[in-house]
Amino acid sequence: MTTDARSRLEDLRVQTLERLAALRGEHDAVVDASRDSNADDEHDPEGATIAFERAQVDALVRDAVGRLESVDDALGRLDDGTYGTCARCGEPIASGRLEARPTATTCVGCAGR
């Protein structure tokens, strides 16, 4: 399980880093676009769209950063031997759950509580 889990987590980490880089590039593009528009977002019809796009990309960046932290935490649990153990009840997390959600910290029962 450890080799498969590490491989899945490392693949997920690479995918997340690629997504984060793309989102940061998108964010930079939106910011650059806003420089070329009227600075008055409230009265400029395009300003509201640019502000909305920037906020949306910011939220996606925060989500990707959180996912990266979860992956790194899971890799840490692999290293210290606690990966696959529920943080709440101490029982093993089902392999199916870990396949579907490799960063899971709780078993299905505890996740439902």
PDB file of N, CA and C in Angstrom:
ATOM      1  N   MET A   1       0.828  -1.189   0.000  1.00  0.00           N
ATOM      2  CA  MET A   1       0.000   0.000   0.000  1.00  0.00           C
ATOM      3  C   MET A   1       0.875   1.256   0.000  1.00  0.00           C
ATOM      4  N   THR A   2       1.974   1.241   0.709  1.00  0.00           N
ATOM      5  CA  THR A   2       2.796   2.434   0.867  1.00  0.00           C
ATOM      6  C   THR A   2       3.352   2.919  -0.470  1.00  0.00           C
ATOM      7  N   THR A   3       3.853   1.999  -1.312  1.00  0.00           N
ATOM      8  CA  THR A   3       4.412   2.389  -2.600  1.00  0.00           C
ATOM      9  C   THR A   3       3.343   2.961  -3.503  1.00  0.00           C
ATOM     10  N   ASP A   4       2.178   2.295  -3.567  1.00  0.00           N
ATOM     11  CA  ASP A   4       1.064   2.788  -4.391  1.00  0.00           C
ATOM     12  C   ASP A   4       0.579   4.139  -3.876  1.00  0.00           C
ATOM     13  N   ALA A   5       0.447   4.263  -2.571  1.00  0.00           N
ATOM     14  CA  ALA A   5      -0.028   5.512  -1.977  1.00  0.00           C
ATOM     15  C   ALA A   5       0.959   6.636  -2.273  1.00  0.00           C
ATOM     16  N   ARG A   6       2.232   6.377  -2.098  1.00  0.00           N
ATOM     17  CA  ARG A   6       3.237   7.406  -2.360  1.00  0.00           C
ATOM     18  C   ARG A   6       3.194   7.825  -3.823  1.00  0.00           C
ATOM     19  N   SER A   7       3.068   6.867  -4.716  1.00  0.00           N
ATOM     20  CA  SER A   7       3.000   7.171  -6.139  1.00  0.00           C
ATOM     21  C   SER A   7       1.769   8.021  -6.463  1.00  0.00           C
ATOM     22  N   ARG A   8       0.611   7.645  -5.909  1.00  0.00           N
ATOM     23  CA  ARG A   8      -0.620   8.425  -6.128  1.00  0.00           C
ATOM     24  C   ARG A   8      -0.470   9.837  -5.577  1.00  0.00           C
ATOM     25  N   LEU A   9       0.080   9.942  -4.386  1.00  0.00           N
ATOM     26  CA  LEU A   9       0.242  11.260  -3.759  1.00  0.00           C
ATOM     27  C   LEU A   9       1.248  12.123  -4.518  1.00  0.00           C
ATOM     28  N   GLU A  10       2.334  11.530  -4.969  1.00  0.00           N
ATOM     29  CA  GLU A  10       3.319  12.303  -5.721  1.00  0.00           C
ATOM     30  C   GLU A  10       2.748  12.759  -7.061  1.00  0.00           C
ATOM     31  N   ASP A  11       1.955  11.892  -7.714  1.00  0.00           N
ATOM     32  CA  ASP A  11       1.283  12.290  -8.958  1.00  0.00           C
ATOM     33  C   ASP A  11       0.307  13.431  -8.693  1.00  0.00           C
ATOM     34  N   LEU A  12      -0.440  13.319  -7.611  1.00  0.00           N
ATOM     35  CA  LEU A  12      -1.402  14.359  -7.240  1.00  0.00           C
ATOM     36  C   LEU A  12      -0.676  15.668  -6.927  1.00  0.00           C
ATOM     37  N   ARG A  13       0.478  15.568  -6.307  1.00  0.00           N
ATOM     38  CA  ARG A  13       1.271  16.763  -5.983  1.00  0.00           C
ATOM     39  C   ARG A  13       1.726  17.463  -7.261  1.00  0.00           C
ATOM     40  N   VAL A  14       2.221  16.683  -8.222  1.00  0.00           N
ATOM     41  CA  VAL A  14       2.666  17.255  -9.502  1.00  0.00           C
ATOM     42  C   VAL A  14       1.490  17.914 -10.218  1.00  0.00           C
ATOM     43  N   GLN A  15       0.350  17.231 -10.272  1.00  0.00           N
ATOM     44  CA  GLN A  15      -0.840  17.795 -10.920  1.00  0.00           C
ATOM     45  C   GLN A  15      -1.268  19.094 -10.239  1.00  0.00           C
ATOM     46  N   THR A  16      -1.220  19.098  -8.927  1.00  0.00           N
ATOM     47  CA  THR A  16      -1.634  20.286  -8.168  1.00  0.00           C
ATOM     48  C   THR A  16      -0.671  21.443  -8.402  1.00  0.00           C
ATOM     49  N   LEU A  17       0.618  21.157  -8.439  1.00  0.00           N
ATOM     50  CA  LEU A  17       1.604  22.208  -8.725  1.00  0.00           C
ATOM     51  C   LEU A  17       1.413  22.776 -10.129  1.00  0.00           C
ATOM     52  N   GLU A  18       1.112  21.904 -11.095  1.00  0.00           N
ATOM     53  CA  GLU A  18       0.856  22.369 -12.466  1.00  0.00           C
ATOM     54  C   GLU A  18      -0.398  23.240 -12.498  1.00  0.00           C
ATOM     55  N   ARG A  19      -1.435  22.814 -11.809  1.00  0.00           N
ATOM     56  CA  ARG A  19      -2.686  23.578 -11.750  1.00  0.00           C
ATOM     57  C   ARG A  19      -2.442  24.933 -11.093  1.00  0.00           C
ATOM     58  N   LEU A  20      -1.679  24.927 -10.008  1.00  0.00           N
ATOM     59  CA  LEU A  20      -1.369  26.163  -9.295  1.00  0.00           C
ATOM     60  C   LEU A  20      -0.597  27.135 -10.191  1.00  0.00           C
ATOM     61  N   ALA A  21       0.364  26.633 -10.939  1.00  0.00           N
ATOM     62  CA  ALA A  21       1.134  27.485 -11.852  1.00  0.00           C
ATOM     63  C   ALA A  21       0.217  28.076 -12.928  1.00  0.00           C
ATOM     64  N   ALA A  22      -0.678  27.257 -13.466  1.00  0.00           N
ATOM     65  CA  ALA A  22      -1.611  27.752 -14.485  1.00  0.00           C
ATOM     66  C   ALA A  22      -2.540  28.808 -13.909  1.00  0.00           C
ATOM     67  N   LEU A  23      -3.036  28.570 -12.709  1.00  0.00           N
ATOM     68  CA  LEU A  23      -3.938  29.534 -12.078  1.00  0.00           C
ATOM     69  C   LEU A  23      -3.225  30.840 -11.768  1.00  0.00           C
ATOM     70  N   ARG A  24      -2.002  30.745 -11.325  1.00  0.00           N
ATOM     71  CA  ARG A  24      -1.243  31.974 -11.039  1.00  0.00           C
ATOM     72  C   ARG A  24      -0.992  32.753 -12.332  1.00  0.00           C
ATOM     73  N   GLY A  25      -0.762  32.039 -13.423  1.00  0.00           N
ATOM     74  CA  GLY A  25      -0.613  32.691 -14.714  1.00  0.00           C
ATOM     75  C   GLY A  25      -1.908  33.366 -15.134  1.00  0.00           C
ATOM     76  N   GLU A  26      -3.019  32.675 -14.895  1.00  0.00           N
ATOM     77  CA  GLU A  26      -4.335  33.237 -15.205  1.00  0.00           C
ATOM     78  C   GLU A  26      -4.590  34.481 -14.351  1.00  0.00           C
ATOM     79  N   HIS A  27      -4.223  34.398 -13.075  1.00  0.00           N
ATOM     80  CA  HIS A  27      -4.388  35.545 -12.176  1.00  0.00           C
ATOM     81  C   HIS A  27      -3.589  36.739 -12.691  1.00  0.00           C
ATOM     82  N   ASP A  28      -2.345  36.479 -13.078  1.00  0.00           N
ATOM     83  CA  ASP A  28      -1.515  37.559 -13.600  1.00  0.00           C
ATOM     84  C   ASP A  28      -2.140  38.173 -14.851  1.00  0.00           C
ATOM     85  N   ALA A  29      -2.726  37.345 -15.715  1.00  0.00           N
ATOM     86  CA  ALA A  29      -3.367  37.842 -16.926  1.00  0.00           C
ATOM     87  C   ALA A  29      -4.565  38.725 -16.593  1.00  0.00           C
ATOM     88  N   VAL A  30      -5.343  38.327 -15.594  1.00  0.00           N
ATOM     89  CA  VAL A  30      -6.501  39.126 -15.190  1.00  0.00           C
ATOM     90  C   VAL A  30      -6.038  40.450 -14.602  1.00  0.00           C
ATOM     91  N   VAL A  31      -5.010  40.414 -13.785  1.00  0.00           N
ATOM     92  CA  VAL A  31      -4.481  41.644 -13.189  1.00  0.00           C
ATOM     93  C   VAL A  31      -3.941  42.560 -14.288  1.00  0.00           C
ATOM     94  N   ASP A  32      -3.220  41.985 -15.249  1.00  0.00           N
ATOM     95  CA  ASP A  32      -2.705  42.785 -16.364  1.00  0.00           C
ATOM     96  C   ASP A  32      -3.847  43.403 -17.155  1.00  0.00           C
ATOM     97  N   ALA A  33      -4.910  42.647 -17.367  1.00  0.00           N
ATOM     98  CA  ALA A  33      -6.071  43.161 -18.104  1.00  0.00           C
ATOM     99  C   ALA A  33      -6.722  44.311 -17.355  1.00  0.00           C
ATOM    100  N   SER A  34      -6.731  44.227 -16.026  1.00  0.00           N
ATOM    101  CA  SER A  34      -7.365  45.291 -15.247  1.00  0.00           C
ATOM    102  C   SER A  34      -6.550  46.579 -15.289  1.00  0.00           C
ATOM    103  N   ARG A  35      -5.267  46.470 -15.529  1.00  0.00           N
ATOM    104  CA  ARG A  35      -4.423  47.665 -15.649  1.00  0.00           C
ATOM    105  C   ARG A  35      -4.801  48.479 -16.886  1.00  0.00           C
ATOM    106  N   ASP A  36      -5.283  47.758 -17.909  1.00  0.00           N
ATOM    107  CA  ASP A  36      -5.643  48.417 -19.165  1.00  0.00           C
ATOM    108  C   ASP A  36      -7.069  48.929 -19.176  1.00  0.00           C
ATOM    109  N   SER A  37      -7.799  48.692 -18.089  1.00  0.00           N
ATOM    110  CA  SER A  37      -9.194  49.132 -18.050  1.00  0.00           C
ATOM    111  C   SER A  37      -9.334  50.317 -17.111  1.00  0.00           C
ATOM    112  N   ASN A  38     -10.529  50.857 -17.068  1.00  0.00           N
ATOM    113  CA  ASN A  38     -10.852  51.950 -16.160  1.00  0.00           C
ATOM    114  C   ASN A  38     -10.678  51.462 -14.722  1.00  0.00           C
ATOM    115  N   ALA A  39     -10.012  52.212 -13.890  1.00  0.00           N
ATOM    116  CA  ALA A  39      -9.752  51.802 -12.503  1.00  0.00           C
ATOM    117  C   ALA A  39     -10.999  51.860 -11.637  1.00  0.00           C
ATOM    118  N   ASP A  40     -12.068  52.437 -12.143  1.00  0.00           N
ATOM    119  CA  ASP A  40     -13.309  52.577 -11.383  1.00  0.00           C
ATOM    120  C   ASP A  40     -14.200  51.359 -11.616  1.00  0.00           C
ATOM    121  N   ASP A  41     -13.949  50.273 -10.887  1.00  0.00           N
ATOM    122  CA  ASP A  41     -14.704  49.024 -11.062  1.00  0.00           C
ATOM    123  C   ASP A  41     -16.201  49.221 -10.878  1.00  0.00           C
ATOM    124  N   GLU A  42     -16.578  50.109  -9.998  1.00  0.00           N
ATOM    125  CA  GLU A  42     -17.989  50.281  -9.672  1.00  0.00           C
ATOM    126  C   GLU A  42     -18.783  50.857 -10.839  1.00  0.00           C
ATOM    127  N   HIS A  43     -18.164  51.741 -11.624  1.00  0.00           N
ATOM    128  CA  HIS A  43     -18.891  52.412 -12.691  1.00  0.00           C
ATOM    129  C   HIS A  43     -18.528  51.916 -14.088  1.00  0.00           C
ATOM    130  N   ASP A  44     -17.498  51.131 -14.188  1.00  0.00           N
ATOM    131  CA  ASP A  44     -17.078  50.596 -15.481  1.00  0.00           C
ATOM    132  C   ASP A  44     -17.715  49.226 -15.670  1.00  0.00           C
ATOM    133  N   PRO A  45     -18.496  49.025 -16.736  1.00  0.00           N
ATOM    134  CA  PRO A  45     -19.147  47.726 -16.939  1.00  0.00           C
ATOM    135  C   PRO A  45     -18.151  46.568 -17.016  1.00  0.00           C
ATOM    136  N   GLU A  46     -16.967  46.817 -17.558  1.00  0.00           N
ATOM    137  CA  GLU A  46     -15.952  45.766 -17.622  1.00  0.00           C
ATOM    138  C   GLU A  46     -15.256  45.565 -16.284  1.00  0.00           C
ATOM    139  N   GLY A  47     -15.241  46.582 -15.449  1.00  0.00           N
ATOM    140  CA  GLY A  47     -14.561  46.504 -14.157  1.00  0.00           C
ATOM    141  C   GLY A  47     -15.145  45.434 -13.262  1.00  0.00           C
ATOM    142  N   ALA A  48     -16.460  45.331 -13.244  1.00  0.00           N
ATOM    143  CA  ALA A  48     -17.108  44.318 -12.406  1.00  0.00           C
ATOM    144  C   ALA A  48     -16.744  42.915 -12.873  1.00  0.00           C
ATOM    145  N   THR A  49     -16.672  42.720 -14.187  1.00  0.00           N
ATOM    146  CA  THR A  49     -16.311  41.410 -14.734  1.00  0.00           C
ATOM    147  C   THR A  49     -14.881  41.048 -14.365  1.00  0.00           C
ATOM    148  N   ILE A  50     -13.982  42.009 -14.512  1.00  0.00           N
ATOM    149  CA  ILE A  50     -12.579  41.761 -14.184  1.00  0.00           C
ATOM    150  C   ILE A  50     -12.426  41.473 -12.693  1.00  0.00           C
ATOM    151  N   ALA A  51     -13.112  42.230 -11.858  1.00  0.00           N
ATOM    152  CA  ALA A  51     -13.037  42.001 -10.407  1.00  0.00           C
ATOM    153  C   ALA A  51     -13.586  40.620 -10.059  1.00  0.00           C
ATOM    154  N   PHE A  52     -14.680  40.222 -10.714  1.00  0.00           N
ATOM    155  CA  PHE A  52     -15.264  38.900 -10.467  1.00  0.00           C
ATOM    156  C   PHE A  52     -14.294  37.805 -10.898  1.00  0.00           C
ATOM    157  N   GLU A  53     -13.705  37.959 -12.082  1.00  0.00           N
ATOM    158  CA  GLU A  53     -12.748  36.959 -12.567  1.00  0.00           C
ATOM    159  C   GLU A  53     -11.556  36.847 -11.627  1.00  0.00           C
ATOM    160  N   ARG A  54     -11.059  37.989 -11.173  1.00  0.00           N
ATOM    161  CA  ARG A  54      -9.920  37.987 -10.253  1.00  0.00           C
ATOM    162  C   ARG A  54     -10.279  37.272  -8.956  1.00  0.00           C
ATOM    163  N   ALA A  55     -11.463  37.540  -8.431  1.00  0.00           N
ATOM    164  CA  ALA A  55     -11.904  36.892  -7.193  1.00  0.00           C
ATOM    165  C   ALA A  55     -12.068  35.389  -7.401  1.00  0.00           C
ATOM    166  N   GLN A  56     -12.584  35.009  -8.558  1.00  0.00           N
ATOM    167  CA  GLN A  56     -12.767  33.584  -8.844  1.00  0.00           C
ATOM    168  C   GLN A  56     -11.413  32.866  -8.924  1.00  0.00           C
ATOM    169  N   VAL A  57     -10.479  33.456  -9.636  1.00  0.00           N
ATOM    170  CA  VAL A  57      -9.153  32.846  -9.761  1.00  0.00           C
ATOM    171  C   VAL A  57      -8.459  32.813  -8.402  1.00  0.00           C
ATOM    172  N   ASP A  58      -8.609  33.875  -7.610  1.00  0.00           N
ATOM    173  CA  ASP A  58      -8.031  33.881  -6.259  1.00  0.00           C
ATOM    174  C   ASP A  58      -8.567  32.711  -5.432  1.00  0.00           C
ATOM    175  N   ALA A  59      -9.860  32.458  -5.523  1.00  0.00           N
ATOM    176  CA  ALA A  59     -10.464  31.350  -4.779  1.00  0.00           C
ATOM    177  C   ALA A  59      -9.910  30.008  -5.256  1.00  0.00           C
ATOM    178  N   LEU A  60      -9.736  29.858  -6.554  1.00  0.00           N
ATOM    179  CA  LEU A  60      -9.184  28.610  -7.096  1.00  0.00           C
ATOM    180  C   LEU A  60      -7.723  28.432  -6.677  1.00  0.00           C
ATOM    181  N   VAL A  61      -6.976  29.517  -6.607  1.00  0.00           N
ATOM    182  CA  VAL A  61      -5.582  29.444  -6.139  1.00  0.00           C
ATOM    183  C   VAL A  61      -5.552  28.995  -4.681  1.00  0.00           C
ATOM    184  N   ARG A  62      -6.401  29.602  -3.851  1.00  0.00           N
ATOM    185  CA  ARG A  62      -6.453  29.203  -2.427  1.00  0.00           C
ATOM    186  C   ARG A  62      -6.821  27.726  -2.291  1.00  0.00           C
ATOM    187  N   ASP A  63      -7.748  27.253  -3.122  1.00  0.00           N
ATOM    188  CA  ASP A  63      -8.145  25.846  -3.094  1.00  0.00           C
ATOM    189  C   ASP A  63      -6.964  24.946  -3.477  1.00  0.00           C
ATOM    190  N   ALA A  64      -6.229  25.324  -4.512  1.00  0.00           N
ATOM    191  CA  ALA A  64      -5.078  24.530  -4.942  1.00  0.00           C
ATOM    192  C   ALA A  64      -3.982  24.528  -3.880  1.00  0.00           C
ATOM    193  N   VAL A  65      -3.758  25.665  -3.235  1.00  0.00           N
ATOM    194  CA  VAL A  65      -2.761  25.733  -2.158  1.00  0.00           C
ATOM    195  C   VAL A  65      -3.181  24.807  -1.015  1.00  0.00           C
ATOM    196  N   GLY A  66      -4.462  24.817  -0.678  1.00  0.00           N
ATOM    197  CA  GLY A  66      -4.967  23.925   0.366  1.00  0.00           C
ATOM    198  C   GLY A  66      -4.799  22.466  -0.003  1.00  0.00           C
ATOM    199  N   ARG A  67      -5.051  22.152  -1.266  1.00  0.00           N
ATOM    200  CA  ARG A  67      -4.884  20.774  -1.732  1.00  0.00           C
ATOM    201  C   ARG A  67      -3.419  20.360  -1.652  1.00  0.00           C
ATOM    202  N   LEU A  68      -2.528  21.265  -2.038  1.00  0.00           N
ATOM    203  CA  LEU A  68      -1.097  20.974  -1.961  1.00  0.00           C
ATOM    204  C   LEU A  68      -0.676  20.712  -0.513  1.00  0.00           C
ATOM    205  N   GLU A  69      -1.191  21.506   0.409  1.00  0.00           N
ATOM    206  CA  GLU A  69      -0.899  21.288   1.830  1.00  0.00           C
ATOM    207  C   GLU A  69      -1.411  19.931   2.293  1.00  0.00           C
ATOM    208  N   SER A  70      -2.599  19.547   1.831  1.00  0.00           N
ATOM    209  CA  SER A  70      -3.161  18.239   2.198  1.00  0.00           C
ATOM    210  C   SER A  70      -2.305  17.097   1.664  1.00  0.00           C
ATOM    211  N   VAL A  71      -1.825  17.251   0.443  1.00  0.00           N
ATOM    212  CA  VAL A  71      -0.956  16.220  -0.147  1.00  0.00           C
ATOM    213  C   VAL A  71       0.347  16.134   0.636  1.00  0.00           C
ATOM    214  N   ASP A  72       0.932  17.280   0.942  1.00  0.00           N
ATOM    215  CA  ASP A  72       2.186  17.273   1.706  1.00  0.00           C
ATOM    216  C   ASP A  72       1.985  16.671   3.095  1.00  0.00           C
ATOM    217  N   ASP A  73       0.838  16.961   3.715  1.00  0.00           N
ATOM    218  CA  ASP A  73       0.526  16.362   5.019  1.00  0.00           C
ATOM    219  C   ASP A  73       0.407  14.843   4.896  1.00  0.00           C
ATOM    220  N   ALA A  74      -0.251  14.385   3.827  1.00  0.00           N
ATOM    221  CA  ALA A  74      -0.414  12.939   3.615  1.00  0.00           C
ATOM    222  C   ALA A  74       0.945  12.279   3.386  1.00  0.00           C
ATOM    223  N   LEU A  75       1.813  12.935   2.635  1.00  0.00           N
ATOM    224  CA  LEU A  75       3.164  12.385   2.438  1.00  0.00           C
ATOM    225  C   LEU A  75       3.913  12.323   3.772  1.00  0.00           C
ATOM    226  N   GLY A  76       3.705  13.312   4.616  1.00  0.00           N
ATOM    227  CA  GLY A  76       4.306  13.293   5.951  1.00  0.00           C
ATOM    228  C   GLY A  76       3.788  12.130   6.785  1.00  0.00           C
ATOM    229  N   ARG A  77       2.480  11.856   6.669  1.00  0.00           N
ATOM    230  CA  ARG A  77       1.911  10.713   7.399  1.00  0.00           C
ATOM    231  C   ARG A  77       2.477   9.404   6.864  1.00  0.00           C
ATOM    232  N   LEU A  78       2.730   9.335   5.569  1.00  0.00           N
ATOM    233  CA  LEU A  78       3.370   8.136   5.008  1.00  0.00           C
ATOM    234  C   LEU A  78       4.752   7.954   5.624  1.00  0.00           C
ATOM    235  N   ASP A  79       5.489   9.056   5.712  1.00  0.00           N
ATOM    236  CA  ASP A  79       6.849   8.992   6.261  1.00  0.00           C
ATOM    237  C   ASP A  79       6.867   8.602   7.732  1.00  0.00           C
ATOM    238  N   ASP A  80       5.879   9.083   8.497  1.00  0.00           N
ATOM    239  CA  ASP A  80       5.901   8.759   9.932  1.00  0.00           C
ATOM    240  C   ASP A  80       5.076   7.522  10.290  1.00  0.00           C
ATOM    241  N   GLY A  81       4.519   6.861   9.270  1.00  0.00           N
ATOM    242  CA  GLY A  81       3.826   5.598   9.508  1.00  0.00           C
ATOM    243  C   GLY A  81       2.378   5.713   9.949  1.00  0.00           C
ATOM    244  N   THR A  82       1.794   6.906   9.889  1.00  0.00           N
ATOM    245  CA  THR A  82       0.404   7.055  10.316  1.00  0.00           C
ATOM    246  C   THR A  82      -0.570   7.172   9.145  1.00  0.00           C
ATOM    247  N   TYR A  83      -0.073   7.115   7.916  1.00  0.00           N
ATOM    248  CA  TYR A  83      -0.957   7.199   6.754  1.00  0.00           C
ATOM    249  C   TYR A  83      -1.913   6.003   6.761  1.00  0.00           C
ATOM    250  N   GLY A  84      -3.156   6.287   6.508  1.00  0.00           N
ATOM    251  CA  GLY A  84      -4.152   5.216   6.463  1.00  0.00           C
ATOM    252  C   GLY A  84      -4.777   4.914   7.807  1.00  0.00           C
ATOM    253  N   THR A  85      -4.441   5.682   8.821  1.00  0.00           N
ATOM    254  CA  THR A  85      -5.026   5.527  10.148  1.00  0.00           C
ATOM    255  C   THR A  85      -5.911   6.739  10.421  1.00  0.00           C
ATOM    256  N   CYS A  86      -7.127   6.483  10.851  1.00  0.00           N
ATOM    257  CA  CYS A  86      -8.080   7.567  11.113  1.00  0.00           C
ATOM    258  C   CYS A  86      -7.569   8.450  12.253  1.00  0.00           C
ATOM    259  N   ALA A  87      -7.544   9.739  11.994  1.00  0.00           N
ATOM    260  CA  ALA A  87      -7.071  10.702  12.991  1.00  0.00           C
ATOM    261  C   ALA A  87      -8.057  10.843  14.145  1.00  0.00           C
ATOM    262  N   ARG A  88      -9.273  10.411  13.938  1.00  0.00           N
ATOM    263  CA  ARG A  88     -10.291  10.574  14.974  1.00  0.00           C
ATOM    264  C   ARG A  88     -10.410   9.332  15.867  1.00  0.00           C
ATOM    265  N   CYS A  89     -10.564   8.151  15.239  1.00  0.00           N
ATOM    266  CA  CYS A  89     -10.806   6.943  16.039  1.00  0.00           C
ATOM    267  C   CYS A  89      -9.605   6.002  16.106  1.00  0.00           C
ATOM    268  N   GLY A  90      -8.608   6.238  15.254  1.00  0.00           N
ATOM    269  CA  GLY A  90      -7.408   5.402  15.265  1.00  0.00           C
ATOM    270  C   GLY A  90      -7.536   4.102  14.494  1.00  0.00           C
ATOM    271  N   GLU A  91      -8.693   3.862  13.900  1.00  0.00           N
ATOM    272  CA  GLU A  91      -8.891   2.640  13.099  1.00  0.00           C
ATOM    273  C   GLU A  91      -8.343   2.861  11.689  1.00  0.00           C
ATOM    274  N   PRO A  92      -8.088   1.759  10.970  1.00  0.00           N
ATOM    275  CA  PRO A  92      -7.592   1.905   9.592  1.00  0.00           C
ATOM    276  C   PRO A  92      -8.647   2.557   8.681  1.00  0.00           C
ATOM    277  N   ILE A  93      -8.165   3.350   7.747  1.00  0.00           N
ATOM    278  CA  ILE A  93      -9.032   3.936   6.722  1.00  0.00           C
ATOM    279  C   ILE A  93      -9.080   2.928   5.576  1.00  0.00           C
ATOM    280  N   ALA A  94     -10.274   2.632   5.093  1.00  0.00           N
ATOM    281  CA  ALA A  94     -10.444   1.630   4.033  1.00  0.00           C
ATOM    282  C   ALA A  94      -9.633   2.019   2.795  1.00  0.00           C
ATOM    283  N   SER A  95      -9.044   1.011   2.168  1.00  0.00           N
ATOM    284  CA  SER A  95      -8.204   1.275   0.995  1.00  0.00           C
ATOM    285  C   SER A  95      -9.005   1.929  -0.128  1.00  0.00           C
ATOM    286  N   GLY A  96     -10.276   1.580  -0.270  1.00  0.00           N
ATOM    287  CA  GLY A  96     -11.115   2.203  -1.294  1.00  0.00           C
ATOM    288  C   GLY A  96     -11.254   3.695  -1.074  1.00  0.00           C
ATOM    289  N   ARG A  97     -11.389   4.087   0.188  1.00  0.00           N
ATOM    290  CA  ARG A  97     -11.487   5.521   0.509  1.00  0.00           C
ATOM    291  C   ARG A  97     -10.171   6.225   0.174  1.00  0.00           C
ATOM    292  N   LEU A  98      -9.051   5.572   0.496  1.00  0.00           N
ATOM    293  CA  LEU A  98      -7.755   6.179   0.210  1.00  0.00           C
ATOM    294  C   LEU A  98      -7.477   6.232  -1.289  1.00  0.00           C
ATOM    295  N   GLU A  99      -8.006   5.280  -2.042  1.00  0.00           N
ATOM    296  CA  GLU A  99      -7.853   5.342  -3.495  1.00  0.00           C
ATOM    297  C   GLU A  99      -8.643   6.516  -4.057  1.00  0.00           C
ATOM    298  N   ALA A 100      -9.858   6.697  -3.544  1.00  0.00           N
ATOM    299  CA  ALA A 100     -10.717   7.776  -4.025  1.00  0.00           C
ATOM    300  C   ALA A 100     -10.257   9.136  -3.503  1.00  0.00           C
ATOM    301  N   ARG A 101      -9.758   9.127  -2.295  1.00  0.00           N
ATOM    302  CA  ARG A 101      -9.349  10.386  -1.648  1.00  0.00           C
ATOM    303  C   ARG A 101      -8.034  10.137  -0.908  1.00  0.00           C
ATOM    304  N   PRO A 102      -6.919  10.185  -1.628  1.00  0.00           N
ATOM    305  CA  PRO A 102      -5.625   9.825  -1.039  1.00  0.00           C
ATOM    306  C   PRO A 102      -5.188  10.678   0.144  1.00  0.00           C
ATOM    307  N   THR A 103      -5.781  11.850   0.304  1.00  0.00           N
ATOM    308  CA  THR A 103      -5.392  12.721   1.414  1.00  0.00           C
ATOM    309  C   THR A 103      -6.314  12.577   2.625  1.00  0.00           C
ATOM    310  N   ALA A 104      -7.215  11.609   2.585  1.00  0.00           N
ATOM    311  CA  ALA A 104      -8.194  11.429   3.677  1.00  0.00           C
ATOM    312  C   ALA A 104      -7.469  11.232   5.006  1.00  0.00           C
ATOM    313  N   THR A 105      -8.034  11.882   6.044  1.00  0.00           N
ATOM    314  CA  THR A 105      -7.464  11.748   7.379  1.00  0.00           C
ATOM    315  C   THR A 105      -8.398  10.979   8.303  1.00  0.00           C
ATOM    316  N   THR A 106      -9.624  10.714   7.836  1.00  0.00           N
ATOM    317  CA  THR A 106     -10.587   9.998   8.675  1.00  0.00           C
ATOM    318  C   THR A 106     -11.202   8.844   7.890  1.00  0.00           C
ATOM    319  N   CYS A 107     -11.675   7.863   8.635  1.00  0.00           N
ATOM    320  CA  CYS A 107     -12.383   6.740   8.031  1.00  0.00           C
ATOM    321  C   CYS A 107     -13.781   7.220   7.615  1.00  0.00           C
ATOM    322  N   VAL A 108     -14.496   6.406   6.876  1.00  0.00           N
ATOM    323  CA  VAL A 108     -15.825   6.782   6.385  1.00  0.00           C
ATOM    324  C   VAL A 108     -16.763   7.071   7.552  1.00  0.00           C
ATOM    325  N   GLY A 109     -16.724   6.238   8.576  1.00  0.00           N
ATOM    326  CA  GLY A 109     -17.596   6.430   9.731  1.00  0.00           C
ATOM    327  C   GLY A 109     -17.376   7.759  10.422  1.00  0.00           C
ATOM    328  N   CYS A 110     -16.128   8.093  10.655  1.00  0.00           N
ATOM    329  CA  CYS A 110     -15.822   9.372  11.330  1.00  0.00           C
ATOM    330  C   CYS A 110     -16.069  10.561  10.422  1.00  0.00           C
ATOM    331  N   ALA A 111     -15.861  10.392   9.128  1.00  0.00           N
ATOM    332  CA  ALA A 111     -16.117  11.490   8.187  1.00  0.00           C
ATOM    333  C   ALA A 111     -17.594  11.839   8.150  1.00  0.00           C
ATOM    334  N   GLY A 112     -18.451  10.852   8.411  1.00  0.00           N
ATOM    335  CA  GLY A 112     -19.889  11.085   8.381  1.00  0.00           C
ATOM    336  C   GLY A 112     -20.448  11.703   9.636  1.00  0.00           C
ATOM    337  N   ARG A 113     -19.640  11.793  10.657  1.00  0.00           N
ATOM    338  CA  ARG A 113     -20.123  12.343  11.928  1.00  0.00           C
ATOM    339  C   ARG A 113     -20.107  13.826  11.967  1.00  0.00           C
TER     340      ARG A 113
END
